[in-house]
């Protein structure tokens, strides 16, 4: 079963939702047969890499509230993260454009390291306050999860995987993704937002239960070639009834 997750590295609920889903998956008996795939989504495609503003200042300007009110909003977000076992330091978060982080993640997917890099990027943003719009920071984070730093830097210095990011976003739009996190279970069920564990468990179980088994179709026993099969042990013709 495949679970696709549309998310953005600038979205604090995306890391919380990711962690809650992972915790549910750990308790799921068939978790080894579930594959996670992260899809790109930009909350603010027009964001600059270096705004020079703190996250509290950004929120204050965006929502028209005071700095104190913005700080209180982020205090609540820190508390919300603790409910998922995450120790946010969101006041240290560096607002930036997330396109490069998404491009690097899609490159990491080709190297078999998408999950590791996604986790490292979320941790860097919301716990460590690293500037993930800085190519040097991104390349260093890639190296930390076992990717080649020079190749990561080359990807970031180019426009590679930009089209793939846009394709993820277009696909999400077709599926009705308007906000993140957005979780799609085997293209049958969807969960929007960092929902409680029981919601993820319910969607996971329903998608698992509704997997369609094969319906076997075979020729009649009187056919000349009634279903010969090859296995590792060799090829065997079906027995004919006299």
Protein backbone atom coordinates (compact mmCIF):
# COMPACT_ATOMS: atom_id res chain seq x y z
CA UNK A 1 0.00 0.00 0.00
CA UNK A 2 1.23 3.48 -0.84
CA UNK A 3 0.61 6.57 1.26
CA UNK A 4 1.32 9.85 -0.53
CA UNK A 5 1.92 12.92 1.62
CA UNK A 6 1.66 16.42 0.19
CA UNK A 7 3.54 18.76 2.52
CA UNK A 8 5.76 21.83 2.75
CA UNK A 9 8.87 22.33 4.86
CA UNK A 10 7.58 25.73 5.98
CA UNK A 11 4.42 24.13 7.41
CA UNK A 12 4.63 23.32 11.14
CA UNK A 13 1.57 21.08 11.00
CA UNK A 14 3.21 19.01 8.25
CA UNK A 15 5.95 17.75 10.57
CA UNK A 16 3.41 17.11 13.33
CA UNK A 17 1.14 15.19 10.94
CA UNK A 18 4.10 13.23 9.57
CA UNK A 19 5.12 12.16 13.05
CA UNK A 20 1.59 11.15 14.07
CA UNK A 21 1.22 9.03 10.94
CA UNK A 22 4.59 7.39 11.57
CA UNK A 23 3.62 6.56 15.14
CA UNK A 24 0.42 4.90 13.92
CA UNK A 25 2.36 3.00 11.26
CA UNK A 26 4.76 1.64 13.89
CA UNK A 27 1.82 -0.08 15.58
CA UNK A 28 0.30 -1.34 12.33
CA UNK A 29 0.89 -5.11 11.92
CA UNK A 30 1.61 -4.84 8.19
CA UNK A 31 3.71 -1.68 8.29
CA UNK A 32 6.49 -3.34 6.28
CA UNK A 33 4.14 -3.42 3.30
CA UNK A 34 3.31 0.29 3.46
CA UNK A 35 5.34 2.75 1.41
CA UNK A 36 5.50 6.48 2.17
CA UNK A 37 6.03 8.95 -0.66
CA UNK A 38 6.39 12.69 -0.07
CA UNK A 39 4.94 15.11 -2.58
CA UNK A 40 5.81 18.77 -3.05
CA UNK A 41 3.54 21.63 -2.04
CA UNK A 42 4.56 25.29 -1.61
CA UNK A 43 2.51 27.29 0.85
CA UNK A 44 4.06 30.49 -0.49
CA UNK A 45 5.75 30.03 -3.88
CA UNK A 46 6.57 33.75 -3.92
CA UNK A 47 8.43 33.72 -0.62
CA UNK A 48 11.92 35.22 -0.77
CA UNK A 49 14.91 33.23 0.43
CA UNK A 50 16.08 35.92 2.84
CA UNK A 51 13.29 38.08 4.22
CA UNK A 52 15.33 39.28 7.18
CA UNK A 53 12.27 38.78 9.38
CA UNK A 54 11.69 36.44 12.28
CA UNK A 55 8.82 33.98 12.13
CA UNK A 56 6.96 36.08 14.71
CA UNK A 57 7.37 39.17 12.54
CA UNK A 58 6.17 37.24 9.49
CA UNK A 59 3.05 36.03 11.31
CA UNK A 60 2.37 39.49 12.71
CA UNK A 61 2.41 40.99 9.21
CA UNK A 62 0.46 38.13 7.61
CA UNK A 63 -2.41 38.07 10.09
CA UNK A 64 -2.37 41.72 11.19
CA UNK A 65 -1.71 40.91 14.84
CA UNK A 66 0.80 42.24 17.33
CA UNK A 67 4.18 40.62 17.86
CA UNK A 68 3.00 39.44 21.26
CA UNK A 69 -0.02 37.77 19.70
CA UNK A 70 2.17 36.17 17.03
CA UNK A 71 4.49 34.84 19.72
CA UNK A 72 1.52 33.40 21.60
CA UNK A 73 0.40 31.64 18.40
CA UNK A 74 3.82 30.07 18.07
CA UNK A 75 3.85 29.12 21.75
CA UNK A 76 0.67 27.15 21.09
CA UNK A 77 2.30 25.53 18.07
CA UNK A 78 5.22 24.42 20.23
CA UNK A 79 2.74 22.87 22.64
CA UNK A 80 0.88 21.16 19.82
CA UNK A 81 4.13 19.65 18.58
CA UNK A 82 4.85 18.16 22.01
CA UNK A 83 1.64 16.13 21.69
CA UNK A 84 3.35 14.34 18.78
CA UNK A 85 6.62 13.90 20.65
CA UNK A 86 8.37 16.81 18.91
CA UNK A 87 10.23 19.55 20.75
CA UNK A 88 9.71 22.53 18.46
CA UNK A 89 11.74 25.69 18.80
CA UNK A 90 9.54 27.49 16.33
CA UNK A 91 10.57 30.97 17.45
CA UNK A 92 13.97 30.23 15.89
CA UNK A 93 12.47 29.15 12.57
CA UNK A 94 13.89 30.94 9.52
CA UNK A 95 11.17 31.82 7.00
CA UNK A 96 12.36 31.13 3.46
CA UNK A 97 11.37 29.81 0.04
CA UNK A 98 10.99 26.03 0.05
CA UNK A 99 11.47 25.27 -3.66
CA UNK A 100 15.11 24.22 -3.29
CA UNK A 101 14.29 21.94 -0.37
CA UNK A 102 11.60 20.26 -2.47
CA UNK A 103 13.92 19.91 -5.46
CA UNK A 104 16.58 18.35 -3.25
CA UNK A 105 14.04 15.92 -1.79
CA UNK A 106 13.04 14.72 -5.26
CA UNK A 107 16.70 14.20 -6.12
CA UNK A 108 17.11 12.29 -2.84
CA UNK A 109 14.25 10.03 -3.95
CA UNK A 110 16.35 8.92 -6.94
CA UNK A 111 19.09 8.01 -4.48
CA UNK A 112 16.77 6.06 -2.16
CA UNK A 113 17.01 8.71 0.57
CA UNK A 114 13.72 10.63 0.35
CA UNK A 115 12.45 9.62 3.79
CA UNK A 116 15.75 10.33 5.51
CA UNK A 117 16.16 13.76 3.93
CA UNK A 118 12.54 14.76 4.55
CA UNK A 119 12.93 14.00 8.25
CA UNK A 120 16.25 15.84 8.42
CA UNK A 121 14.83 18.93 6.73
CA UNK A 122 11.82 19.14 9.05
CA UNK A 123 14.08 18.74 12.05
CA UNK A 124 16.42 21.45 10.76
CA UNK A 125 13.57 23.92 10.24
CA UNK A 126 11.43 23.47 13.34
CA UNK A 127 13.86 22.25 15.98
CA UNK A 128 17.27 23.64 15.01
CA UNK A 129 16.29 26.89 13.30
CA UNK A 130 18.52 26.28 10.26
CA UNK A 131 18.19 28.37 7.11
CA UNK A 132 16.97 25.81 4.57
CA UNK A 133 16.90 28.38 1.79
CA UNK A 134 20.70 28.47 1.92
CA UNK A 135 22.21 26.04 -0.61
CA UNK A 136 25.21 25.36 1.62
CA UNK A 137 22.95 24.40 4.52
CA UNK A 138 20.88 22.15 2.27
CA UNK A 139 23.94 20.41 0.84
CA UNK A 140 25.28 19.83 4.35
CA UNK A 141 21.97 18.33 5.46
CA UNK A 142 22.00 16.05 2.43
CA UNK A 143 25.48 14.85 3.38
CA UNK A 144 24.29 14.11 6.92
CA UNK A 145 21.86 11.50 5.60
CA UNK A 146 24.45 9.84 3.40
CA UNK A 147 24.02 11.72 0.13
CA UNK A 148 26.91 13.09 -1.89
CA UNK A 149 27.41 16.71 -0.86
CA UNK A 150 28.96 17.84 -4.15
CA UNK A 151 26.18 16.28 -6.19
CA UNK A 152 23.59 17.88 -3.91
CA UNK A 153 25.27 21.25 -4.42
CA UNK A 154 25.22 20.70 -8.18
CA UNK A 155 21.50 19.97 -8.11
CA UNK A 156 20.86 23.11 -6.08
CA UNK A 157 22.97 25.25 -8.42
CA UNK A 158 20.82 24.13 -11.35
CA UNK A 159 17.09 24.14 -12.02
CA UNK A 160 16.88 20.34 -11.95
CA UNK A 161 13.68 18.83 -10.49
CA UNK A 162 11.79 22.10 -10.76
CA UNK A 163 9.43 20.53 -13.29
CA UNK A 164 8.96 17.54 -10.99
CA UNK A 165 8.00 19.85 -8.12
CA UNK A 166 5.46 21.55 -10.36
CA UNK A 167 4.13 18.15 -11.46
CA UNK A 168 3.59 17.14 -7.82
CA UNK A 169 1.73 20.37 -7.18
CA UNK A 170 -0.42 20.00 -10.30
CA UNK A 171 -1.23 16.41 -9.37
CA UNK A 172 -2.21 17.51 -5.89
CA UNK A 173 -4.46 20.22 -7.29
CA UNK A 174 -6.24 17.63 -9.44
CA UNK A 175 -6.82 15.51 -6.34
CA UNK A 176 -8.24 18.46 -4.43
CA UNK A 177 -5.23 19.31 -2.27
CA UNK A 178 -5.77 22.87 -1.13
CA UNK A 179 -3.77 22.83 2.08
CA UNK A 180 -1.18 20.67 3.79
CA UNK A 181 -0.47 18.22 5.21
CA UNK A 182 -2.64 16.07 2.97
CA UNK A 183 -2.40 12.28 3.13
CA UNK A 184 -3.71 9.99 0.39
CA UNK A 185 -4.07 6.30 1.20
CA UNK A 186 -3.84 4.09 -1.89
CA UNK A 187 -5.82 6.71 -3.83
CA UNK A 188 -8.92 5.56 -1.92
CA UNK A 189 -9.00 7.59 1.30
CA UNK A 190 -7.61 10.98 2.25
CA UNK A 191 -6.83 12.77 5.50
CA UNK A 192 -6.43 16.54 5.56
CA UNK A 193 -4.42 18.09 8.36
CA UNK A 194 -2.43 16.85 11.34
CA UNK A 195 -5.30 14.78 12.67
CA UNK A 196 -5.32 12.73 15.91
CA UNK A 197 -3.81 9.24 15.80
CA UNK A 198 -7.19 7.52 15.63
CA UNK A 199 -8.04 9.29 12.36
CA UNK A 200 -4.83 8.07 10.74
CA UNK A 201 -5.41 4.58 12.10
CA UNK A 202 -8.94 4.51 10.71
CA UNK A 203 -7.85 5.64 7.24
CA UNK A 204 -4.94 3.21 7.23
CA UNK A 205 -7.09 0.27 8.26
CA UNK A 206 -9.86 1.08 5.79
CA UNK A 207 -7.42 1.42 2.90
CA UNK A 208 -5.73 -1.82 3.89
CA UNK A 209 -9.02 -3.70 4.19
CA UNK A 210 -10.21 -2.50 0.81
CA UNK A 211 -7.19 -3.63 -1.15
CA UNK A 212 -8.58 -5.62 -4.07
CA UNK A 213 -7.31 -9.20 -4.26
CA UNK A 214 -6.84 -10.79 -7.64
CA UNK A 215 -9.78 -12.65 -9.15
CA UNK A 216 -8.40 -15.79 -10.75
CA UNK A 217 -9.60 -16.55 -14.27
CA UNK A 218 -8.65 -19.82 -15.95
CA UNK A 219 -9.53 -21.85 -19.00
CA UNK A 220 -11.85 -24.83 -18.81
CA UNK A 221 -10.26 -28.16 -18.00
CA UNK A 222 -11.01 -29.38 -21.50
CA UNK A 223 -8.93 -26.69 -23.22
CA UNK A 224 -5.78 -27.77 -25.06
CA UNK A 225 -3.65 -25.42 -22.96
CA UNK A 226 -5.40 -25.22 -19.59
CA UNK A 227 -3.03 -23.04 -17.62
CA UNK A 228 0.55 -24.29 -17.69
CA UNK A 229 2.67 -22.53 -15.04
CA UNK A 230 6.41 -21.95 -14.68
CA UNK A 231 7.97 -21.58 -11.22
CA UNK A 232 11.49 -21.72 -9.85
CA UNK A 233 11.09 -25.50 -9.89
CA UNK A 234 10.43 -25.61 -13.62
CA UNK A 235 7.48 -25.64 -16.01
CA UNK A 236 4.60 -28.05 -15.62
CA UNK A 237 1.69 -28.73 -17.93
CA UNK A 238 -1.69 -29.13 -16.27
CA UNK A 239 -3.03 -32.62 -15.98
CA UNK A 240 -5.72 -33.58 -18.47
CA UNK A 241 -8.75 -35.51 -17.35
CA UNK A 242 -9.43 -38.64 -19.49
